Amino acid sequence: MKYMILIGLVAALTTIVIAAGKVELCRGNYHSEAAAKVQLAKFASGYSDLDGWKKRAARVRQGMLAGMGLDTPPKKCDLKPIIINKRTHKGYTVENVAFESLPGFFVTGNLYRPLDPAAESCAGILSPHGHFRDRNGDGGGRFRPSMQIRCATLARMGAVVLSLDMVGWGEAMQYPHRGAKTLTLQTWNGMRAIDFLYTLKEVDHKRIGITGASGGGTQTFVLTAVDDRIAVSIPCVMVSSHFFGGCSCESGMPIHKSSTHETNNADIAALAAPRPQLLISNGKDWTKNTPKVEFPYIQDVYKLYGSEAKIANLHLAKEGHDYGPSKRKGAYEFFAKHLGLRPAGDEATVVIEDKKTLTVFTKKNPMPKHAVNGPAAVEALLK
């Protein structure tokens, strides 16, 4: 609820000028619900077959990458992974992880692995979090019990799961969360997180999934749109054609509108086609219209590929903005079907660890001395 109120306060239309021409930042409730329907119809009128959609998809994808400054990406550095403090629980293990997405810029998180893999190779799943905090205001993010439950259950099902901090959240405090380049850094971190999963010998490169709720849902559909290594995606409580995300980590850069492209989050989610995708929506936030507005639009794109069986919508009309048990149940079933996982077991037996146990960098294991801190220093790495 606090996040939704905050989004209402920060949602505003901001206009900036870049060399390519006039560009608008589409933030918060940028459209009315009626205007969003008109925009989707306009998008759909621009193509009539698969070739037409592919041309549009390429234009939107390029516009997104240019808007983030990733059309010419940084040179990939050695990840230099740190994997420490392994704990063994019933059916899975947990380790604390860090790696460098840019020289001296660390991605921090936790790695959940199955004790009894279902096959010789495992699916790999990224688990980004949103702007959820614990009730006492401490931690939140990847430390939340619901995040641990989701990751541990997926590991028991046979997947290797990476839970990672948003930029400026949890342990990832080298750059502010609402910085000018947070969206760029977060997307780049996601790309490098896939690189990290690829380094694990047990992970099947063809079975990479991603799921997150709210701001984690935005990370899910944005990363899926620009990185075709993701095979299955489940954006939760975030795909809307009228709401664009209220935080700068979601809509603080011109990924939605420029002189060369125009899109919205439903259209971006459609870029996942023809890869399997489950939209999870509810009746109490901006995804309330998903079954009648966003899902049919995305479904029509999948039909162009002959892949309508790979797109689904789980709508929980009486629920709200979270990644609660019923939403997780739907996600488990979808991942099991499309990533070849076992059925989910009892969530109640997952061990909830405290923040201290889950933390990578401590007094005994400090962040390396070559770590880069502050907006100017970190942004210089992107150049």
Protein backbone atom coordinates (compact mmCIF):
# COMPACT_ATOMS: atom_id res chain seq x y z
CA MET A 1 0.00 0.00 0.00
CA LYS A 2 2.79 2.46 0.89
CA TYR A 3 4.44 1.76 -2.45
CA MET A 4 1.19 2.43 -4.33
CA ILE A 5 0.74 5.74 -2.49
CA LEU A 6 4.34 6.69 -3.25
CA ILE A 7 3.84 5.91 -6.91
CA GLY A 8 0.80 8.18 -6.98
CA LEU A 9 2.88 11.00 -5.55
CA VAL A 10 5.84 10.65 -7.89
CA ALA A 11 3.91 9.87 -11.08
CA ALA A 12 4.29 12.86 -13.38
CA LEU A 13 4.93 13.69 -16.98
CA THR A 14 8.48 14.95 -17.56
CA THR A 15 9.82 16.16 -20.90
CA ILE A 16 13.48 16.01 -21.78
CA VAL A 17 15.45 16.75 -24.91
CA ILE A 18 18.16 14.51 -26.33
CA ALA A 19 20.15 14.65 -29.53
CA ALA A 20 17.75 12.30 -31.35
CA GLY A 21 14.84 14.68 -30.78
CA LYS A 22 12.12 15.39 -28.29
CA VAL A 23 11.52 12.49 -25.91
CA GLU A 24 8.94 12.05 -23.20
CA LEU A 25 9.37 10.10 -20.01
CA CYS A 26 6.20 8.06 -19.54
CA ARG A 27 5.81 7.72 -15.78
CA GLY A 28 3.10 6.47 -13.45
CA ASN A 29 -0.46 6.80 -14.75
CA TYR A 30 0.75 8.41 -17.97
CA HIS A 31 -2.44 7.40 -19.78
CA SER A 32 -6.04 7.17 -18.72
CA GLU A 33 -7.44 3.66 -18.99
CA ALA A 34 -9.48 4.72 -22.04
CA ALA A 35 -6.45 6.28 -23.74
CA ALA A 36 -4.44 3.12 -23.13
CA LYS A 37 -7.03 1.05 -25.00
CA VAL A 38 -6.86 3.47 -27.93
CA GLN A 39 -3.08 3.27 -27.96
CA LEU A 40 -3.07 -0.54 -28.04
CA ALA A 41 -5.55 -0.48 -30.93
CA LYS A 42 -3.27 1.98 -32.74
CA PHE A 43 -0.28 -0.30 -32.23
CA ALA A 44 -2.25 -3.32 -33.51
CA SER A 45 -3.36 -1.43 -36.62
CA GLY A 46 0.28 -1.00 -37.60
CA TYR A 47 0.82 -4.66 -38.47
CA SER A 48 -1.34 -7.42 -39.93
CA ASP A 49 1.01 -10.39 -40.07
CA LEU A 50 4.04 -11.86 -38.35
CA ASP A 51 6.52 -10.00 -40.53
CA GLY A 52 4.85 -6.71 -39.66
CA TRP A 53 4.95 -7.50 -35.95
CA LYS A 54 8.62 -8.50 -36.10
CA LYS A 55 9.48 -5.15 -37.69
CA ARG A 56 7.59 -3.33 -34.94
CA ALA A 57 9.20 -5.50 -32.25
CA ALA A 58 12.67 -4.74 -33.58
CA ARG A 59 11.92 -1.00 -33.60
CA VAL A 60 10.56 -1.05 -30.04
CA ARG A 61 13.45 -3.15 -28.76
CA GLN A 62 15.99 -0.83 -30.35
CA GLY A 63 14.18 2.18 -28.90
CA MET A 64 14.27 0.65 -25.43
CA LEU A 65 17.97 -0.15 -25.64
CA ALA A 66 18.75 3.34 -26.96
CA GLY A 67 16.64 4.89 -24.21
CA MET A 68 18.68 3.03 -21.60
CA GLY A 69 21.97 3.72 -23.33
CA LEU A 70 22.48 0.00 -23.92
CA ASP A 71 22.32 0.09 -27.71
CA THR A 72 26.11 0.24 -27.41
CA PRO A 73 26.61 -1.83 -24.25
CA PRO A 74 29.63 -1.70 -21.96
CA LYS A 75 32.37 -4.24 -22.50
CA LYS A 76 31.71 -7.31 -20.39
CA CYS A 77 34.23 -7.74 -17.59
CA ASP A 78 35.21 -10.86 -15.67
CA LEU A 79 32.39 -11.61 -13.21
CA LYS A 80 34.84 -12.62 -10.47
CA PRO A 81 32.07 -14.45 -8.58
CA ILE A 82 32.06 -14.75 -4.80
CA ILE A 83 29.99 -17.71 -3.52
CA ILE A 84 30.18 -18.26 0.23
CA ASN A 85 28.50 -19.54 3.41
CA LYS A 86 26.59 -22.55 2.11
CA ARG A 87 23.65 -23.70 4.23
CA THR A 88 21.77 -26.96 3.70
CA HIS A 89 18.04 -27.23 4.34
CA LYS A 90 15.40 -29.79 3.46
CA GLY A 91 15.61 -30.24 -0.31
CA TYR A 92 17.78 -27.20 -1.11
CA THR A 93 20.87 -25.18 -0.26
CA VAL A 94 21.41 -21.42 0.08
CA GLU A 95 24.63 -19.50 -0.60
CA ASN A 96 25.51 -15.81 -0.49
CA VAL A 97 26.66 -14.49 -3.84
CA ALA A 98 28.27 -11.42 -5.40
CA PHE A 99 29.75 -10.76 -8.82
CA GLU A 100 30.92 -7.75 -10.81
CA SER A 101 28.61 -6.58 -13.59
CA LEU A 102 31.07 -3.75 -14.28
CA PRO A 103 34.62 -3.46 -12.92
CA GLY A 104 34.19 -2.72 -9.21
CA PHE A 105 30.36 -2.64 -9.37
CA PHE A 106 28.82 -5.57 -7.50
CA VAL A 107 25.58 -7.46 -7.90
CA THR A 108 24.62 -9.04 -4.56
CA GLY A 109 22.18 -11.84 -3.88
CA ASN A 110 21.53 -15.41 -2.84
CA LEU A 111 21.80 -18.64 -4.76
CA TYR A 112 19.31 -21.45 -4.08
CA ARG A 113 20.13 -24.90 -5.46
CA PRO A 114 18.29 -28.23 -5.36
CA LEU A 115 19.75 -30.97 -3.19
CA ASP A 116 18.26 -33.56 -5.52
CA PRO A 117 18.21 -32.25 -9.11
CA ALA A 118 15.48 -33.74 -11.27
CA ALA A 119 17.94 -34.30 -14.13
CA GLU A 120 21.62 -33.94 -15.04
CA SER A 121 21.03 -30.27 -15.79
CA CYS A 122 18.85 -27.72 -14.02
CA ALA A 123 16.76 -24.80 -15.17
CA GLY A 124 18.08 -21.43 -14.01
CA ILE A 125 15.65 -18.82 -12.68
CA LEU A 126 16.27 -15.13 -11.92
CA SER A 127 14.19 -13.77 -9.04
CA PRO A 128 14.25 -9.93 -8.95
CA HIS A 129 12.33 -8.16 -6.19
CA GLY A 130 10.15 -5.07 -6.11
CA HIS A 131 9.72 -2.12 -3.76
CA PHE A 132 8.38 -4.21 -0.90
CA ARG A 133 9.77 -3.73 2.60
CA ASP A 134 9.20 -5.72 5.76
CA ARG A 135 6.62 -4.26 8.11
CA ASN A 136 9.32 -3.10 10.50
CA GLY A 137 11.02 -1.24 7.64
CA ASP A 138 14.16 -3.34 7.89
CA GLY A 139 15.49 -5.09 4.85
CA GLY A 140 12.69 -6.09 2.55
CA GLY A 141 13.69 -6.92 -1.00
CA ARG A 142 15.40 -10.29 -1.30
CA PHE A 143 15.40 -10.71 2.49
CA ARG A 144 11.60 -10.86 2.72
CA PRO A 145 10.11 -14.22 3.79
CA SER A 146 7.95 -14.40 0.65
CA MET A 147 11.05 -14.06 -1.54
CA GLN A 148 12.86 -16.79 0.35
CA ILE A 149 9.82 -19.05 0.12
CA ARG A 150 9.54 -18.54 -3.64
CA CYS A 151 13.23 -19.17 -4.30
CA ALA A 152 13.53 -22.18 -1.99
CA THR A 153 10.40 -23.82 -3.40
CA LEU A 154 11.61 -23.40 -6.98
CA ALA A 155 14.97 -24.90 -5.95
CA ARG A 156 13.21 -27.91 -4.44
CA MET A 157 11.37 -28.24 -7.75
CA GLY A 158 14.75 -28.66 -9.47
CA ALA A 159 15.85 -25.15 -10.48
CA VAL A 160 18.93 -23.11 -9.60
CA VAL A 161 17.51 -19.78 -8.45
CA LEU A 162 19.32 -16.45 -8.17
CA SER A 163 17.71 -13.82 -5.96
CA LEU A 164 19.39 -10.45 -6.57
CA ASP A 165 19.23 -6.97 -5.07
CA MET A 166 17.86 -4.02 -6.98
CA VAL A 167 20.36 -1.19 -7.44
CA GLY A 168 20.38 0.98 -4.32
CA TRP A 169 18.62 -1.69 -2.27
CA GLY A 170 19.74 -4.32 0.21
CA GLU A 171 23.50 -4.60 -0.07
CA ALA A 172 23.74 -2.93 -3.49
CA MET A 173 24.39 0.59 -2.20
CA GLN A 174 27.14 1.76 -4.56
CA TYR A 175 24.59 3.77 -6.58
CA PRO A 176 21.28 5.37 -5.49
CA HIS A 177 18.05 3.59 -6.31
CA ARG A 178 16.50 6.67 -7.87
CA GLY A 179 19.62 7.69 -9.77
CA ALA A 180 19.69 8.90 -13.37
CA LYS A 181 21.05 5.57 -14.66
CA THR A 182 19.38 3.10 -12.29
CA LEU A 183 17.27 1.56 -15.05
CA THR A 184 20.37 1.05 -17.18
CA LEU A 185 22.33 -0.51 -14.35
CA GLN A 186 19.48 -2.76 -13.26
CA THR A 187 18.94 -4.08 -16.78
CA TRP A 188 22.68 -4.58 -17.27
CA ASN A 189 22.84 -6.40 -13.93
CA GLY A 190 20.07 -8.70 -15.16
CA MET A 191 22.00 -9.48 -18.34
CA ARG A 192 25.15 -10.22 -16.35
CA ALA A 193 23.09 -12.33 -13.93
CA ILE A 194 22.24 -14.59 -16.86
CA ASP A 195 25.96 -14.70 -17.66
CA PHE A 196 26.53 -15.76 -14.05
CA LEU A 197 23.95 -18.56 -14.29
CA TYR A 198 25.71 -19.70 -17.46
CA THR A 199 28.93 -20.18 -15.49
CA LEU A 200 27.28 -22.78 -13.25
CA LYS A 201 27.95 -26.20 -14.73
CA GLU A 202 24.59 -27.63 -13.68
CA VAL A 203 22.48 -24.92 -15.38
CA ASP A 204 20.90 -25.68 -18.76
CA HIS A 205 21.40 -22.57 -20.89
CA LYS A 206 18.21 -23.28 -22.83
CA ARG A 207 16.03 -23.27 -19.69
CA ILE A 208 16.40 -19.80 -18.18
CA GLY A 209 13.36 -18.30 -16.46
CA ILE A 210 12.58 -15.06 -14.65
CA THR A 211 9.83 -13.87 -12.33
CA GLY A 212 9.25 -10.92 -10.03
CA ALA A 213 6.41 -8.78 -8.71
CA SER A 214 5.79 -5.04 -8.92
CA GLY A 215 9.16 -3.40 -9.70
CA GLY A 216 10.49 -6.95 -10.01
CA GLY A 217 7.74 -7.52 -12.56
CA THR A 218 9.02 -4.55 -14.54
CA GLN A 219 12.52 -6.02 -14.46
CA THR A 220 11.00 -9.30 -15.66
CA PHE A 221 9.32 -8.02 -18.80
CA VAL A 222 12.02 -5.44 -19.65
CA LEU A 223 14.85 -7.97 -19.43
CA THR A 224 12.83 -10.58 -21.34
CA ALA A 225 12.17 -8.03 -24.10
CA VAL A 226 15.84 -7.22 -24.67
CA ASP A 227 17.53 -10.54 -23.87
CA ASP A 228 16.38 -13.58 -25.84
CA ARG A 229 18.28 -15.97 -23.57
CA ILE A 230 15.27 -15.90 -21.25
CA ALA A 231 13.07 -18.86 -22.18
CA VAL A 232 10.13 -18.41 -19.77
CA SER A 233 8.90 -15.27 -18.01
CA ILE A 234 6.31 -14.54 -15.34
CA PRO A 235 5.77 -10.82 -14.66
CA CYS A 236 3.56 -10.47 -11.58
CA VAL A 237 1.14 -7.59 -10.84
CA MET A 238 2.80 -5.14 -13.21
CA VAL A 239 1.79 -5.50 -16.88
CA SER A 240 -0.50 -2.55 -17.58
CA SER A 241 -1.07 -0.40 -20.67
CA HIS A 242 -1.97 2.75 -18.72
CA PHE A 243 0.52 2.51 -15.82
CA PHE A 244 4.22 2.75 -16.63
CA GLY A 245 5.80 2.31 -13.19
CA GLY A 246 6.33 5.19 -10.81
CA CYS A 247 9.98 4.71 -9.86
CA SER A 248 12.97 5.93 -11.84
CA CYS A 249 14.23 2.34 -11.88
CA GLU A 250 11.22 1.52 -14.10
CA SER A 251 10.39 4.65 -16.08
CA GLY A 252 13.12 7.17 -15.35
CA MET A 253 14.67 6.87 -18.80
CA PRO A 254 13.06 7.19 -22.27
CA ILE A 255 12.38 3.52 -22.99
CA HIS A 256 8.70 4.07 -23.86
CA LYS A 257 8.71 7.03 -26.21
CA SER A 258 11.20 8.72 -28.51
CA SER A 259 11.36 10.21 -31.98
CA THR A 260 11.67 6.69 -33.40
CA HIS A 261 9.37 4.53 -31.25
CA GLU A 262 6.36 4.51 -28.93
CA THR A 263 5.30 1.68 -26.67
CA ASN A 264 3.79 0.79 -23.28
CA ASN A 265 4.36 -2.02 -20.81
CA ALA A 266 1.79 -4.36 -22.37
CA ASP A 267 3.46 -3.92 -25.74
CA ILE A 268 6.88 -4.54 -24.15
CA ALA A 269 5.56 -7.73 -22.54
CA ALA A 270 4.45 -8.87 -26.01
CA LEU A 271 8.11 -8.85 -27.09
CA ALA A 272 8.45 -12.11 -25.16
CA ALA A 273 6.54 -13.91 -27.93
CA PRO A 274 6.72 -16.74 -28.81
CA ARG A 275 8.43 -17.74 -25.55
CA PRO A 276 6.14 -19.00 -22.75
CA GLN A 277 4.83 -16.19 -20.55
CA LEU A 278 2.35 -16.02 -17.67
CA LEU A 279 0.83 -12.67 -16.71
CA ILE A 280 -0.28 -12.60 -13.08
CA SER A 281 -2.81 -9.85 -12.34
CA ASN A 282 -5.29 -8.83 -9.66
CA GLY A 283 -8.35 -6.68 -9.06
CA LYS A 284 -6.91 -4.03 -6.77
CA ASP A 285 -4.08 -2.34 -8.69
CA TRP A 286 -3.27 -1.20 -12.23
CA THR A 287 -3.49 -4.79 -13.53
CA LYS A 288 -7.23 -4.95 -12.88
CA ASN A 289 -7.95 -4.68 -16.64
CA THR A 290 -5.43 -7.31 -17.76
CA PRO A 291 -7.97 -10.03 -18.74
CA LYS A 292 -9.92 -7.66 -21.02
CA VAL A 293 -7.27 -5.20 -22.23
CA GLU A 294 -3.60 -6.22 -21.98
CA PHE A 295 -3.92 -10.01 -22.24
CA PRO A 296 -5.97 -10.02 -25.49
CA TYR A 297 -3.45 -7.67 -27.13
CA ILE A 298 -0.49 -9.87 -26.15
CA GLN A 299 -2.44 -13.02 -27.00
CA ASP A 300 -3.00 -11.74 -30.55
CA VAL A 301 0.77 -11.33 -30.97
CA TYR A 302 1.31 -14.93 -29.86
CA LYS A 303 -1.33 -16.04 -32.38
CA LEU A 304 0.80 -14.56 -35.17
CA TYR A 305 3.47 -17.11 -34.19
CA GLY A 306 0.95 -19.93 -33.81
CA SER A 307 1.97 -20.00 -30.13
CA GLU A 308 -1.21 -18.95 -28.33
CA ALA A 309 -0.85 -21.97 -26.02
CA LYS A 310 2.33 -20.41 -24.59
CA ILE A 311 0.69 -17.24 -23.23
CA ALA A 312 -1.56 -17.32 -20.16
CA ASN A 313 -3.13 -15.00 -17.61
CA LEU A 314 -3.77 -15.82 -13.96
CA HIS A 315 -6.19 -13.14 -12.74
CA LEU A 316 -7.11 -12.99 -9.05
CA ALA A 317 -9.90 -10.43 -8.92
CA LYS A 318 -10.21 -10.33 -5.13
CA GLU A 319 -6.49 -10.04 -4.43
CA GLY A 320 -4.07 -7.11 -4.36
CA HIS A 321 -0.54 -5.99 -5.10
CA ASP A 322 1.75 -8.76 -3.86
CA TYR A 323 3.32 -12.10 -4.75
CA GLY A 324 1.25 -14.09 -2.30
CA PRO A 325 0.59 -17.85 -2.02
CA SER A 326 -2.02 -18.15 -4.78
CA LYS A 327 0.13 -16.16 -7.19
CA ARG A 328 3.18 -18.27 -6.35
CA LYS A 329 1.15 -21.45 -6.87
CA GLY A 330 0.28 -20.34 -10.40
CA ALA A 331 3.91 -19.47 -11.10
CA TYR A 332 5.16 -22.84 -9.81
CA GLU A 333 2.75 -24.69 -12.09
CA PHE A 334 3.72 -22.62 -15.14
CA PHE A 335 7.44 -23.06 -14.54
CA ALA A 336 6.96 -26.78 -13.91
CA LYS A 337 5.19 -27.12 -17.26
CA HIS A 338 7.58 -25.05 -19.37
CA LEU A 339 10.93 -25.60 -17.63
CA GLY A 340 10.49 -29.29 -16.83
CA LEU A 341 10.39 -28.93 -13.04
CA ARG A 342 8.84 -31.15 -10.38
CA PRO A 343 5.54 -30.14 -8.76
CA ALA A 344 5.89 -27.71 -5.87
CA GLY A 345 5.99 -29.10 -2.35
CA ASP A 346 4.90 -27.65 0.98
CA GLU A 347 6.03 -24.03 1.38
CA ALA A 348 5.57 -24.26 5.15
CA THR A 349 8.80 -26.23 5.58
CA VAL A 350 11.02 -23.55 4.00
CA VAL A 351 13.53 -22.15 6.50
CA ILE A 352 13.29 -18.35 6.79
CA GLU A 353 16.77 -16.96 7.35
CA ASP A 354 17.54 -13.56 8.86
CA LYS A 355 19.16 -10.68 7.00
CA LYS A 356 22.50 -11.21 8.71
CA THR A 357 22.71 -14.81 7.50
CA LEU A 358 21.78 -13.85 3.93
CA THR A 359 24.27 -10.98 3.69
CA VAL A 360 27.31 -11.36 1.44
CA PHE A 361 29.59 -8.60 2.65
CA THR A 362 30.37 -8.43 6.38
CA LYS A 363 33.21 -7.31 8.63
CA LYS A 364 34.81 -10.70 8.12
CA ASN A 365 34.13 -10.63 4.37
CA PRO A 366 34.15 -6.94 3.34
CA MET A 367 33.43 -5.62 -0.12
CA PRO A 368 36.68 -5.62 -2.12
CA LYS A 369 38.76 -2.45 -1.94
CA HIS A 370 38.46 -1.79 -5.67
CA ALA A 371 34.69 -1.27 -5.34
CA VAL A 372 33.49 1.88 -7.13
CA ASN A 373 31.11 4.17 -5.23
CA GLY A 374 28.96 7.18 -6.06
CA PRO A 375 26.92 8.26 -9.11
CA ALA A 376 29.73 9.90 -11.08
CA ALA A 377 32.18 7.03 -10.61
CA VAL A 378 29.63 4.31 -11.40
CA GLU A 379 28.19 6.13 -14.43
CA ALA A 380 31.72 6.51 -15.79
CA LEU A 381 31.88 2.70 -15.97
CA LEU A 382 28.99 2.70 -18.44
CA LYS A 383 31.02 4.79 -20.88
